[in-house]
Amino acid sequence: MTELHKSKAAVWALLLLFSILWFYSLDMRTLVPTDEGRYAEMAREMFATGDWITTRLNGIKYFEKPPLQTWMTALAFHAFGIGEWQARLWTGLCGLFGILLSAYTARRLFGERVGFNTGLVLGSSLLWVGLGHFNTLDMGLAAMMNIALCSLLIAQRKDATPAESRRWMLACWAGMGLAVLSKGLIGLVLPGAVLVLYTLFARDWAMWKRLNFAGGVPLFLAITAPWFILVSMKNPEFPHFFFIHEHFERFTTKVHHRTGPWHYFIPVLLLGIIPWLAMLPQSLWHAWRERTPGFQPKLMLLIWAVFIFFFFSISNSKLVSYILPIFPALAILIACYLEDASRKVLLINAGLIALLSTVGLVLAPRFASLASSSYDKPLFQAYVPWAIAAGAVGLAGGLLAIAWAKRRRDWSFAALAISSFLLVLLLIAGHEPLGRYKAGTEHLAAIKAELAPDTPVYAVGLYEQALPFYLGRTLTLVEHADEMDFGLQQEPQLWIPSYETFAAKWSAEARAGKKSLAIVRPDMLAKMQKDNLPIRIIAQDPRRVIVTNAVQDKPAS
């Protein structure tokens, strides 16, 4: 039987089906707080105001991250309208592009089969697939850093012509520039540190002569400098906040309250690399052990993965998505190891996936017990059928991989990859009831029924990250600056810092016959009731209460 990677019809059919499911899944669920709502709303505001320089959240200056993803999402809104899949489109494109570029690079360096298997590995790794459908900045950063990594690997390979090396090194510099515009200086610092470490380990000093500094540095500056200069000219407070607070203090202090132990990313990696978990240690060991004269791409990939993992592990700011840039490198190394992996290793890996899926099937019916209240218990219960379906798909993939491990290795790999990919999509789709609750979108109809174009909407003691996007308007913050504290220091007129001031304004608007709405933290509602403020509850759940000061609407004349 023809090997799977040699069948053009099979490869193109898999790619087409994979792409259809990949993009279709971008529109399966509500944008959930915090990241998805935040970055969708920032792009909506950019699109609505036409200000492409000063990034804002809830109408307030927001300089925590550079604007590349906000630009791309605003362009998606311009081209396709405002919606959920449009808000995730840049993330989805970056995830798919990362898979294709990694596969292409592996093919150029290690052969056709390794390239194909690289696509299977990365396109089925739980963390990569999951975050490819989640509107956050780290997939964009990972994709741009992957441009830098893959371009460097292709440029420095032994059979590259001088002209080809120069072109791909320009692409490497462009990738670093786009990475900086995605999430800041780490887009340059991390690849630069990896290059230095590689040089020390490989003693490949000659490579520095082939980095094309003469063309690359001007290209890098042409990509990055214009926005940084323009935003600093319009907002003199930007440089200190962005470069000192958001880089130095984020890494060295706990200012962002995103701390975690030194081993925080170990379980993230182990779960995120499923279904290839059992092959990960051997892949890393083989890459370290294999040394060749001249440029050593496997060593470069190994250092990339290990150093970036170590860098974020010692940082005082940790989130699950931070280590995403290491996954393309790991995918290539695992695909290389698959070339020589014994049948025993394949069986262990497939058996582990089958075992984990079986455990998931057994535990899935108990998922509802995780609910913290009677209100959200049905939401957790609604997840159970999806979790069971995901477990069944994972088990089927593991069993097929076991059956095919001896005589049809490529089909064994494909079974693991396809089942893992479908498993993630099922888990994503099943989250929708919980997502709607977290986002508050169940109350949209009730809120919109009370809204007029000039109706003020207050956020009292909280900030709703998703509702502003769905309402198409910003909220006036009350006694809760949240992550917009720095921006409010620059423009304090944009919020109400004290409850007392809000209470007086709320009552005055009611006396004047001006309807106002407020989304209130539940404990703040009791305070408003105690102070006898005019209140009519129009919707509520355990996370929020929506009220109006129009206790009785005037009858129509």
Protein backbone atom coordinates (compact mmCIF):
# COMPACT_ATOMS: atom_id res chain seq x y z
CA MET A 1 0.00 0.00 0.00
CA THR A 2 1.29 3.49 -0.86
CA GLU A 3 2.57 5.42 2.13
CA LEU A 4 0.11 8.10 3.18
CA HIS A 5 2.45 11.03 2.64
CA LYS A 6 3.12 9.89 -0.95
CA SER A 7 -0.54 9.92 -1.94
CA LYS A 8 -1.27 13.42 -3.21
CA ALA A 9 -4.99 12.74 -3.22
CA ALA A 10 -4.94 11.66 0.43
CA VAL A 11 -2.75 14.57 1.52
CA TRP A 12 -4.88 17.19 -0.22
CA ALA A 13 -8.10 15.58 1.01
CA LEU A 14 -6.82 15.63 4.60
CA LEU A 15 -5.67 19.23 4.27
CA LEU A 16 -8.97 20.35 2.79
CA LEU A 17 -11.08 18.61 5.42
CA PHE A 18 -8.76 19.83 8.18
CA SER A 19 -8.96 23.43 6.95
CA ILE A 20 -12.76 23.35 6.68
CA LEU A 21 -13.13 22.07 10.24
CA TRP A 22 -10.44 24.46 11.50
CA PHE A 23 -12.17 27.58 10.20
CA TYR A 24 -15.73 26.36 10.81
CA SER A 25 -14.83 25.90 14.48
CA LEU A 26 -13.93 29.57 14.83
CA ASP A 27 -17.64 30.39 14.94
CA MET A 28 -18.87 27.62 17.23
CA ARG A 29 -19.03 29.53 20.50
CA THR A 30 -19.30 32.82 22.33
CA LEU A 31 -16.27 35.02 22.95
CA VAL A 32 -15.44 34.43 26.59
CA PRO A 33 -13.72 36.66 29.15
CA THR A 34 -11.13 37.79 29.63
CA ASP A 35 -8.85 37.61 26.61
CA GLU A 36 -11.36 36.87 23.89
CA GLY A 37 -13.70 39.67 24.86
CA ARG A 38 -10.87 42.13 25.48
CA TYR A 39 -9.09 41.75 22.16
CA ALA A 40 -12.32 41.62 20.16
CA GLU A 41 -13.51 44.83 21.82
CA MET A 42 -10.20 46.62 21.25
CA ALA A 43 -10.43 45.82 17.55
CA ARG A 44 -14.10 46.88 17.42
CA GLU A 45 -13.21 50.23 18.97
CA MET A 46 -10.31 50.72 16.56
CA PHE A 47 -12.62 49.92 13.65
CA ALA A 48 -15.34 52.24 14.98
CA THR A 49 -13.08 55.22 15.77
CA GLY A 50 -10.58 54.92 12.92
CA ASP A 51 -7.69 55.52 15.36
CA TRP A 52 -5.04 52.99 14.32
CA ILE A 53 -2.30 54.40 16.56
CA THR A 54 -3.61 54.73 20.13
CA THR A 55 -5.00 51.36 21.20
CA ARG A 56 -7.94 51.54 23.62
CA LEU A 57 -10.05 49.21 25.72
CA ASN A 58 -13.48 50.44 26.80
CA GLY A 59 -12.55 53.82 25.31
CA ILE A 60 -9.52 54.07 27.64
CA LYS A 61 -5.86 54.08 26.58
CA TYR A 62 -4.55 50.54 26.79
CA PHE A 63 -0.85 50.08 26.10
CA GLU A 64 -0.12 46.63 27.52
CA LYS A 65 0.49 45.10 24.10
CA PRO A 66 1.47 46.27 20.58
CA PRO A 67 -1.25 46.53 17.92
CA LEU A 68 -0.63 43.85 15.27
CA GLN A 69 -3.50 41.58 16.27
CA THR A 70 -5.80 44.56 16.88
CA TRP A 71 -4.99 45.85 13.39
CA MET A 72 -5.61 42.47 11.76
CA THR A 73 -8.90 41.93 13.59
CA ALA A 74 -10.09 45.45 12.78
CA LEU A 75 -9.32 44.72 9.13
CA ALA A 76 -11.32 41.49 9.41
CA PHE A 77 -14.26 43.52 10.76
CA HIS A 78 -13.89 45.93 7.86
CA ALA A 79 -13.83 43.11 5.31
CA PHE A 80 -16.40 40.70 6.77
CA GLY A 81 -18.39 42.60 9.39
CA ILE A 82 -18.26 42.40 13.18
CA GLY A 83 -18.73 38.92 14.60
CA GLU A 84 -17.23 36.07 16.56
CA TRP A 85 -15.44 34.21 13.78
CA GLN A 86 -14.08 37.48 12.44
CA ALA A 87 -12.69 38.24 15.92
CA ARG A 88 -10.90 34.86 15.92
CA LEU A 89 -9.84 34.95 12.27
CA TRP A 90 -6.30 36.25 12.86
CA THR A 91 -5.71 33.65 15.55
CA GLY A 92 -7.08 30.91 13.30
CA LEU A 93 -4.98 32.00 10.34
CA CYS A 94 -1.85 32.14 12.50
CA GLY A 95 -2.47 28.67 13.89
CA LEU A 96 -2.99 27.11 10.47
CA PHE A 97 -0.07 29.04 8.97
CA GLY A 98 2.18 27.81 11.78
CA ILE A 99 1.29 24.21 10.95
CA LEU A 100 1.91 24.65 7.22
CA LEU A 101 5.16 26.57 7.65
CA SER A 102 6.53 24.04 10.14
CA ALA A 103 5.64 21.17 7.78
CA TYR A 104 7.25 22.96 4.83
CA THR A 105 10.41 23.67 6.80
CA ALA A 106 10.71 20.09 8.03
CA ARG A 107 10.22 18.87 4.46
CA ARG A 108 13.03 21.12 3.18
CA LEU A 109 15.40 20.02 5.95
CA PHE A 110 14.56 16.41 6.67
CA GLY A 111 12.50 15.02 3.81
CA GLU A 112 8.95 14.62 2.61
CA ARG A 113 7.75 12.17 5.27
CA VAL A 114 9.12 14.22 8.17
CA GLY A 115 7.40 17.28 6.75
CA PHE A 116 4.08 15.46 6.53
CA ASN A 117 4.40 14.08 10.05
CA THR A 118 5.32 17.51 11.38
CA GLY A 119 1.98 18.77 10.12
CA LEU A 120 0.21 15.84 11.77
CA VAL A 121 1.97 16.40 15.10
CA LEU A 122 1.48 20.16 15.35
CA GLY A 123 -2.01 20.05 13.85
CA SER A 124 -3.14 17.65 16.56
CA SER A 125 -1.29 18.86 19.66
CA LEU A 126 -3.95 19.83 22.19
CA LEU A 127 -2.53 23.22 23.16
CA TRP A 128 -1.83 24.36 19.59
CA VAL A 129 -5.26 23.35 18.30
CA GLY A 130 -7.06 24.77 21.32
CA LEU A 131 -5.32 28.14 21.26
CA GLY A 132 -5.70 28.28 17.49
CA HIS A 133 -9.40 28.74 18.20
CA PHE A 134 -9.05 31.14 21.12
CA ASN A 135 -8.75 34.88 20.63
CA THR A 136 -5.57 35.66 22.51
CA LEU A 137 -2.24 37.20 21.49
CA ASP A 138 0.02 34.22 22.05
CA MET A 139 -0.91 32.34 18.87
CA GLY A 140 -0.07 35.42 16.83
CA LEU A 141 3.24 35.73 18.67
CA ALA A 142 3.99 32.03 18.20
CA ALA A 143 3.26 32.22 14.47
CA MET A 144 5.47 35.27 13.95
CA MET A 145 8.29 33.74 16.00
CA ASN A 146 7.86 30.58 13.96
CA ILE A 147 8.49 32.63 10.82
CA ALA A 148 11.78 33.71 12.37
CA LEU A 149 12.73 30.16 13.41
CA CYS A 150 11.74 28.39 10.19
CA SER A 151 13.28 31.05 7.96
CA LEU A 152 16.54 30.81 9.88
CA LEU A 153 16.57 27.01 9.56
CA ILE A 154 15.98 27.15 5.81
CA ALA A 155 18.47 29.98 5.29
CA GLN A 156 21.27 28.24 7.18
CA ARG A 157 20.89 24.73 5.80
CA LYS A 158 23.92 23.30 4.11
CA ASP A 159 22.61 23.29 0.54
CA ALA A 160 21.19 26.83 0.60
CA THR A 161 22.55 29.11 -2.13
CA PRO A 162 23.83 32.55 -1.09
CA ALA A 163 20.85 34.27 -2.70
CA GLU A 164 18.42 31.87 -1.07
CA SER A 165 20.09 32.34 2.30
CA ARG A 166 19.80 36.13 2.02
CA ARG A 167 16.10 35.97 1.10
CA TRP A 168 15.20 33.63 3.94
CA MET A 169 17.23 35.66 6.43
CA LEU A 170 15.19 38.71 5.42
CA ALA A 171 12.09 36.65 6.19
CA CYS A 172 13.64 35.80 9.57
CA TRP A 173 14.16 39.49 10.39
CA ALA A 174 10.63 40.24 9.23
CA GLY A 175 9.30 37.49 11.49
CA MET A 176 11.07 39.01 14.49
CA GLY A 177 9.70 42.44 13.60
CA LEU A 178 6.15 41.10 13.38
CA ALA A 179 6.68 39.22 16.66
CA VAL A 180 7.65 42.49 18.34
CA LEU A 181 4.49 44.11 16.96
CA SER A 182 2.54 41.12 18.27
CA LYS A 183 3.65 41.12 21.89
CA GLY A 184 6.69 43.25 22.49
CA LEU A 185 10.43 42.90 22.85
CA ILE A 186 10.36 39.16 23.51
CA GLY A 187 9.86 38.81 19.76
CA LEU A 188 13.49 39.89 19.39
CA VAL A 189 15.01 38.92 22.75
CA LEU A 190 14.01 35.25 22.71
CA PRO A 191 15.24 34.43 19.15
CA GLY A 192 18.40 36.44 19.84
CA ALA A 193 19.11 34.52 23.05
CA VAL A 194 18.50 31.20 21.29
CA LEU A 195 20.97 32.19 18.58
CA VAL A 196 23.64 33.05 21.15
CA LEU A 197 23.11 29.79 23.05
CA TYR A 198 23.19 27.77 19.84
CA THR A 199 26.48 29.39 18.86
CA LEU A 200 28.00 28.53 22.25
CA PHE A 201 26.86 24.89 22.13
CA ALA A 202 27.55 24.24 18.44
CA ARG A 203 30.60 26.53 18.15
CA ASP A 204 29.20 27.57 14.80
CA TRP A 205 30.70 31.07 14.82
CA ALA A 206 30.61 31.34 11.03
CA MET A 207 26.82 31.48 11.06
CA TRP A 208 26.94 35.10 12.28
CA LYS A 209 28.40 36.08 8.92
CA ARG A 210 25.29 34.70 7.20
CA LEU A 211 22.62 36.55 9.21
CA ASN A 212 22.31 39.38 6.65
CA PHE A 213 22.47 42.22 9.17
CA ALA A 214 22.85 44.76 6.37
CA GLY A 215 19.42 43.99 4.95
CA GLY A 216 17.75 42.55 8.03
CA VAL A 217 18.22 45.35 10.56
CA PRO A 218 16.72 48.06 8.30
CA LEU A 219 13.81 45.74 7.48
CA PHE A 220 13.23 45.00 11.17
CA LEU A 221 13.23 48.72 12.00
CA ALA A 222 10.97 49.53 9.04
CA ILE A 223 8.39 47.08 10.44
CA THR A 224 8.60 48.01 14.11
CA ALA A 225 9.73 51.63 14.44
CA PRO A 226 6.87 53.57 12.78
CA TRP A 227 4.16 52.58 15.25
CA PHE A 228 6.38 52.94 18.32
CA ILE A 229 7.41 56.42 17.19
CA LEU A 230 3.88 57.54 16.32
CA VAL A 231 2.26 56.21 19.49
CA SER A 232 5.00 57.80 21.62
CA MET A 233 4.50 61.16 19.88
CA LYS A 234 0.75 61.07 20.50
CA ASN A 235 1.09 59.60 24.01
CA PRO A 236 4.28 60.68 25.83
CA GLU A 237 3.46 58.37 28.73
CA PHE A 238 3.69 55.29 26.49
CA PRO A 239 7.47 54.52 26.46
CA HIS A 240 7.91 54.20 30.22
CA PHE A 241 4.75 52.16 30.70
CA PHE A 242 5.39 49.81 27.78
CA PHE A 243 9.11 49.22 28.02
CA ILE A 244 9.61 49.38 31.81
CA HIS A 245 6.29 48.34 33.35
CA GLU A 246 5.19 45.83 30.71
CA HIS A 247 8.56 44.21 30.13
CA PHE A 248 11.05 44.62 32.98
CA GLU A 249 8.54 44.73 35.84
CA ARG A 250 6.33 42.01 34.33
CA PHE A 251 9.28 39.60 34.18
CA THR A 252 10.98 40.48 37.48
CA THR A 253 8.03 41.28 39.78
CA LYS A 254 4.55 40.03 40.62
CA VAL A 255 2.87 43.27 39.56
CA HIS A 256 0.43 41.48 37.22
CA HIS A 257 -0.58 38.83 39.76
CA ARG A 258 0.01 36.03 37.26
CA THR A 259 2.45 34.10 39.37
CA GLY A 260 2.99 30.38 39.55
CA PRO A 261 5.55 27.88 40.85
CA TRP A 262 8.70 27.07 38.89
CA HIS A 263 7.08 23.87 37.61
CA TYR A 264 3.92 25.69 36.39
CA PHE A 265 4.54 24.89 32.72
CA ILE A 266 5.46 21.21 33.15
CA PRO A 267 1.84 19.96 33.27
CA VAL A 268 0.93 22.50 30.58
CA LEU A 269 3.55 20.97 28.29
CA LEU A 270 2.65 17.37 29.14
CA LEU A 271 -1.05 17.90 28.49
CA GLY A 272 -0.51 20.29 25.59
CA ILE A 273 1.65 17.91 23.56
CA ILE A 274 -0.92 15.06 23.71
CA PRO A 275 -1.27 12.76 21.70
CA TRP A 276 2.53 12.62 21.32
CA LEU A 277 3.39 12.67 25.00
CA ALA A 278 5.24 9.36 25.23
CA MET A 279 7.52 10.36 22.33
CA LEU A 280 8.55 13.74 23.72
CA PRO A 281 11.49 12.66 25.96
CA GLN A 282 13.05 10.48 23.29
CA SER A 283 12.67 13.21 20.68
CA LEU A 284 14.54 15.70 22.85
CA TRP A 285 17.24 13.18 23.72
CA HIS A 286 17.83 12.16 20.10
CA ALA A 287 18.10 15.82 19.09
CA TRP A 288 20.74 16.43 21.76
CA ARG A 289 22.68 13.27 20.97
CA GLU A 290 22.76 13.74 17.19
CA ARG A 291 25.63 16.05 16.20
CA THR A 292 26.74 16.76 12.65
CA PRO A 293 29.38 19.04 11.10
CA GLY A 294 28.25 22.53 10.12
CA PHE A 295 24.79 23.89 10.86
CA GLN A 296 22.81 21.64 13.23
CA PRO A 297 19.08 22.29 12.84
CA LYS A 298 17.99 19.74 15.44
CA LEU A 299 20.21 21.36 18.05
CA MET A 300 18.77 24.76 17.14
CA LEU A 301 15.24 23.40 17.56
CA LEU A 302 16.13 21.80 20.88
CA ILE A 303 17.67 24.98 22.28
CA TRP A 304 14.68 27.00 21.05
CA ALA A 305 12.24 24.75 22.90
CA VAL A 306 14.25 24.33 26.10
CA PHE A 307 15.35 27.94 26.51
CA ILE A 308 11.91 29.49 25.89
CA PHE A 309 10.38 26.97 28.30
CA PHE A 310 13.02 27.88 30.90
CA PHE A 311 12.64 31.62 30.29
CA PHE A 312 8.92 31.64 31.06
CA SER A 313 9.37 29.19 33.95
CA ILE A 314 11.60 31.63 35.84
CA SER A 315 9.42 34.62 34.99
CA ASN A 316 7.12 36.08 37.64
CA SER A 317 4.34 36.31 35.07
CA LYS A 318 2.84 33.00 33.93
CA LEU A 319 -0.14 32.04 31.79
CA VAL A 320 -0.84 28.71 30.10
CA SER A 321 -0.41 30.13 26.60
CA TYR A 322 3.05 31.62 27.14
CA ILE A 323 4.98 28.50 26.06
CA LEU A 324 3.05 28.14 22.79
CA PRO A 325 6.08 29.27 20.65
CA ILE A 326 7.98 26.07 21.53
CA PHE A 327 5.40 23.74 19.96
CA PRO A 328 6.46 24.06 16.28
CA ALA A 329 10.03 23.16 17.28
CA LEU A 330 8.80 20.21 19.33
CA ALA A 331 6.59 19.06 16.45
CA ILE A 332 9.56 18.94 14.05
CA LEU A 333 11.71 17.06 16.57
CA ILE A 334 8.95 14.53 17.27
CA ALA A 335 8.41 14.04 13.53
CA CYS A 336 12.14 13.40 13.12
CA TYR A 337 12.05 10.85 15.90
CA LEU A 338 9.05 9.09 14.33
CA GLU A 339 11.33 8.09 11.45
CA ASP A 340 13.19 5.64 13.69
CA ALA A 341 10.76 5.04 16.54
CA SER A 342 10.37 1.37 17.43
CA ARG A 343 7.03 -0.40 17.31
CA LYS A 344 7.21 -0.70 21.10
CA VAL A 345 7.38 3.08 21.49
CA LEU A 346 4.47 3.53 19.09
CA LEU A 347 2.40 1.04 21.05
CA ILE A 348 3.23 2.70 24.37
CA ASN A 349 2.26 6.10 23.01
CA ALA A 350 -0.99 4.88 21.45
CA GLY A 351 -1.80 2.84 24.57
CA LEU A 352 -1.29 5.90 26.74
CA ILE A 353 -3.76 7.89 24.65
CA ALA A 354 -6.28 5.07 24.82
CA LEU A 355 -5.82 4.88 28.59
CA LEU A 356 -6.22 8.63 29.09
CA SER A 357 -9.32 8.64 26.90
CA THR A 358 -10.78 5.77 28.92
CA VAL A 359 -10.17 7.70 32.13
CA GLY A 360 -11.91 10.68 30.52
CA LEU A 361 -14.90 8.52 29.63
CA VAL A 362 -15.16 7.24 33.19
CA LEU A 363 -14.87 10.69 34.76
CA ALA A 364 -17.01 12.61 32.25
CA PRO A 365 -20.37 11.84 33.95
CA ARG A 366 -18.99 13.36 37.15
CA PHE A 367 -18.17 16.65 35.47
CA ALA A 368 -21.34 18.27 36.81
CA SER A 369 -20.00 17.86 40.36
CA LEU A 370 -17.47 20.62 39.59
CA ALA A 371 -20.27 23.21 39.59
CA SER A 372 -19.99 25.69 42.43
CA SER A 373 -23.70 26.52 42.62
CA SER A 374 -27.10 25.18 41.65
CA TYR A 375 -27.25 27.86 38.93
CA ASP A 376 -24.28 26.61 36.94
CA LYS A 377 -24.77 22.88 37.60
CA PRO A 378 -26.95 22.47 34.45
CA LEU A 379 -24.23 24.26 32.46
CA PHE A 380 -21.64 21.76 33.62
CA GLN A 381 -24.09 18.94 33.01
CA ALA A 382 -24.53 20.12 29.42
CA TYR A 383 -20.79 19.56 28.93
CA VAL A 384 -21.00 15.87 29.81
CA PRO A 385 -22.17 14.53 26.39
CA TRP A 386 -19.41 16.49 24.66
CA ALA A 387 -16.78 15.16 27.07
CA ILE A 388 -18.04 11.61 26.51
CA ALA A 389 -17.90 12.09 22.74
CA ALA A 390 -14.36 13.47 23.01
CA GLY A 391 -13.27 10.54 25.14
CA ALA A 392 -14.82 8.08 22.69
CA VAL A 393 -13.02 9.70 19.74
CA GLY A 394 -9.72 9.65 21.62
CA LEU A 395 -10.16 5.99 22.55
CA ALA A 396 -11.02 5.03 18.96
CA GLY A 397 -7.93 6.86 17.70
CA GLY A 398 -5.71 5.17 20.27
CA LEU A 399 -7.04 1.70 19.44
CA LEU A 400 -6.65 2.25 15.69
CA ALA A 401 -3.10 3.48 16.24
CA ILE A 402 -2.34 0.30 18.19
CA ALA A 403 -3.83 -1.89 15.46
CA TRP A 404 -1.88 -0.17 12.70
CA ALA A 405 1.41 0.37 14.58
CA LYS A 406 3.20 -2.62 13.02
CA ARG A 407 2.30 -2.66 9.32
CA ARG A 408 0.79 0.78 8.63
CA ARG A 409 2.82 3.20 10.71
CA ASP A 410 1.79 6.26 8.74
CA TRP A 411 -1.89 5.39 9.19
CA SER A 412 -1.21 4.87 12.89
CA PHE A 413 0.16 8.41 13.14
CA ALA A 414 -2.80 9.76 11.17
CA ALA A 415 -5.29 7.99 13.45
CA LEU A 416 -3.77 9.63 16.51
CA ALA A 417 -3.63 13.03 14.85
CA ILE A 418 -7.16 13.05 13.44
CA SER A 419 -8.76 11.75 16.64
CA SER A 420 -6.88 14.27 18.78
CA PHE A 421 -7.86 17.15 16.51
CA LEU A 422 -11.53 16.14 16.61
CA LEU A 423 -11.32 15.63 20.37
CA VAL A 424 -10.23 19.25 20.90
CA LEU A 425 -12.97 20.59 18.63
CA LEU A 426 -15.58 18.62 20.57
CA LEU A 427 -14.33 19.99 23.88
CA ILE A 428 -14.36 23.52 22.47
CA ALA A 429 -17.92 23.17 21.18
CA GLY A 430 -19.16 21.72 24.46
CA HIS A 431 -17.97 24.77 26.39
CA GLU A 432 -20.61 27.03 24.83
CA PRO A 433 -23.19 26.97 27.69
CA LEU A 434 -20.48 27.85 30.20
CA GLY A 435 -19.05 30.43 27.81
CA ARG A 436 -22.37 32.22 27.43
CA TYR A 437 -22.73 32.37 31.21
CA LYS A 438 -19.23 33.76 31.72
CA ALA A 439 -19.71 36.31 28.95
CA GLY A 440 -23.20 37.33 30.10
CA THR A 441 -24.65 37.05 26.62
CA GLU A 442 -27.77 35.31 27.92
CA HIS A 443 -28.90 38.77 29.04
CA LEU A 444 -28.29 40.60 25.76
CA ALA A 445 -31.94 40.66 24.73
CA ALA A 446 -33.04 42.05 28.10
CA ILE A 447 -30.32 44.72 28.04
CA LYS A 448 -30.94 45.79 24.44
CA ALA A 449 -34.67 46.11 25.12
CA GLU A 450 -33.87 48.88 27.62
CA LEU A 451 -31.18 50.64 25.58
CA ALA A 452 -31.47 53.78 23.51
CA PRO A 453 -28.51 55.31 21.64
CA ASP A 454 -27.96 57.86 24.43
CA THR A 455 -28.55 55.54 27.41
CA PRO A 456 -25.52 55.51 29.72
CA VAL A 457 -24.38 52.08 30.89
CA TYR A 458 -22.34 51.79 34.07
CA ALA A 459 -20.18 48.91 35.30
CA VAL A 460 -20.35 49.05 39.09
CA GLY A 461 -17.62 47.20 40.96
CA LEU A 462 -16.68 45.07 37.95
CA TYR A 463 -15.79 45.19 34.28
CA GLU A 464 -17.46 42.94 31.74
CA GLN A 465 -14.85 41.93 29.17
CA ALA A 466 -17.26 40.48 26.59
CA LEU A 467 -20.53 42.41 26.88
CA PRO A 468 -19.14 45.70 25.47
CA PHE A 469 -18.27 43.87 22.24
CA TYR A 470 -21.74 42.35 21.93
CA LEU A 471 -23.47 45.61 22.89
CA GLY A 472 -21.29 47.59 20.49
CA ARG A 473 -20.59 50.26 23.12
CA THR A 474 -18.28 51.07 26.01
CA LEU A 475 -19.19 51.11 29.71
CA THR A 476 -18.53 53.77 32.35
CA LEU A 477 -16.47 52.16 35.10
CA VAL A 478 -17.45 52.79 38.72
CA GLU A 479 -15.06 52.18 41.63
CA HIS A 480 -13.24 49.47 39.70
CA ALA A 481 -10.39 50.43 37.38
CA ASP A 482 -9.38 46.80 36.66
CA GLU A 483 -6.54 46.57 34.11
CA MET A 484 -7.35 50.06 32.81
CA ASP A 485 -5.83 51.77 35.83
CA PHE A 486 -2.92 53.29 33.88
CA GLY A 487 -5.17 54.63 31.13
CA LEU A 488 -7.54 56.13 33.70
CA GLN A 489 -4.63 57.91 35.35
CA GLN A 490 -4.10 59.67 32.01
CA GLU A 491 -7.82 60.37 31.40
CA PRO A 492 -9.56 60.33 34.82
CA GLN A 493 -12.67 61.97 33.38
CA LEU A 494 -13.56 58.68 31.69
CA TRP A 495 -14.67 56.95 34.88
CA ILE A 496 -16.36 57.42 38.26
CA PRO A 497 -13.83 56.48 40.96
CA SER A 498 -16.22 56.43 43.93
CA TYR A 499 -19.53 54.72 44.59
CA GLU A 500 -20.88 57.84 46.29
CA THR A 501 -20.41 59.95 43.17
CA PHE A 502 -22.09 57.29 41.08
CA ALA A 503 -25.04 57.00 43.49
CA ALA A 504 -25.66 60.74 43.31
CA LYS A 505 -25.44 60.72 39.51
CA TRP A 506 -27.71 57.67 39.22
CA SER A 507 -30.40 59.25 41.38
CA ALA A 508 -30.13 62.62 39.61
CA GLU A 509 -30.60 60.95 36.23
CA ALA A 510 -33.68 59.15 37.56
CA ARG A 511 -35.22 62.40 38.85
CA ALA A 512 -34.57 64.05 35.49
CA GLY A 513 -36.35 61.19 33.70
CA LYS A 514 -33.15 60.00 32.04
CA LYS A 515 -32.96 56.22 31.88
CA SER A 516 -29.63 54.66 32.85
CA LEU A 517 -28.46 51.06 33.03
CA ALA A 518 -25.89 49.48 35.29
CA ILE A 519 -24.20 46.09 35.35
CA VAL A 520 -23.56 45.56 39.02
CA ARG A 521 -21.49 43.19 41.10
CA PRO A 522 -24.00 41.26 43.24
CA ASP A 523 -22.69 42.55 46.58
CA MET A 524 -22.88 46.13 45.26
CA LEU A 525 -26.57 45.63 44.52
CA ALA A 526 -27.27 45.20 48.23
CA LYS A 527 -25.51 48.49 48.87
CA MET A 528 -27.61 50.27 46.26
CA GLN A 529 -30.77 48.82 47.77
CA LYS A 530 -29.72 49.84 51.26
CA ASP A 531 -29.19 53.41 50.01
CA ASN A 532 -32.70 53.38 48.48
CA LEU A 533 -31.45 54.10 44.98
CA PRO A 534 -34.09 53.75 42.26
CA ILE A 535 -33.59 50.22 40.94
CA ARG A 536 -35.45 47.83 38.70
CA ILE A 537 -33.75 44.52 38.05
CA ILE A 538 -33.99 43.45 34.42
CA ALA A 539 -31.66 40.42 34.48
CA GLN A 540 -29.31 38.65 36.86
CA ASP A 541 -27.17 35.60 37.53
CA PRO A 542 -24.60 34.77 40.24
CA ARG A 543 -21.88 36.81 38.48
CA ARG A 544 -23.77 40.04 37.73
CA VAL A 545 -27.04 41.94 38.09
CA ILE A 546 -28.36 44.32 35.39
CA VAL A 547 -30.54 47.15 36.68
CA THR A 548 -32.13 50.35 35.42
CA ASN A 549 -33.03 53.52 37.28
CA ALA A 550 -36.33 53.69 35.37
CA VAL A 551 -38.41 52.00 38.04
CA GLN A 552 -41.58 52.50 36.00
CA ASP A 553 -41.46 53.31 32.32
CA LYS A 554 -43.69 56.20 31.29
CA PRO A 555 -46.79 55.03 29.38
CA ALA A 556 -46.79 55.74 25.68
CA SER A 557 -48.76 58.88 24.77
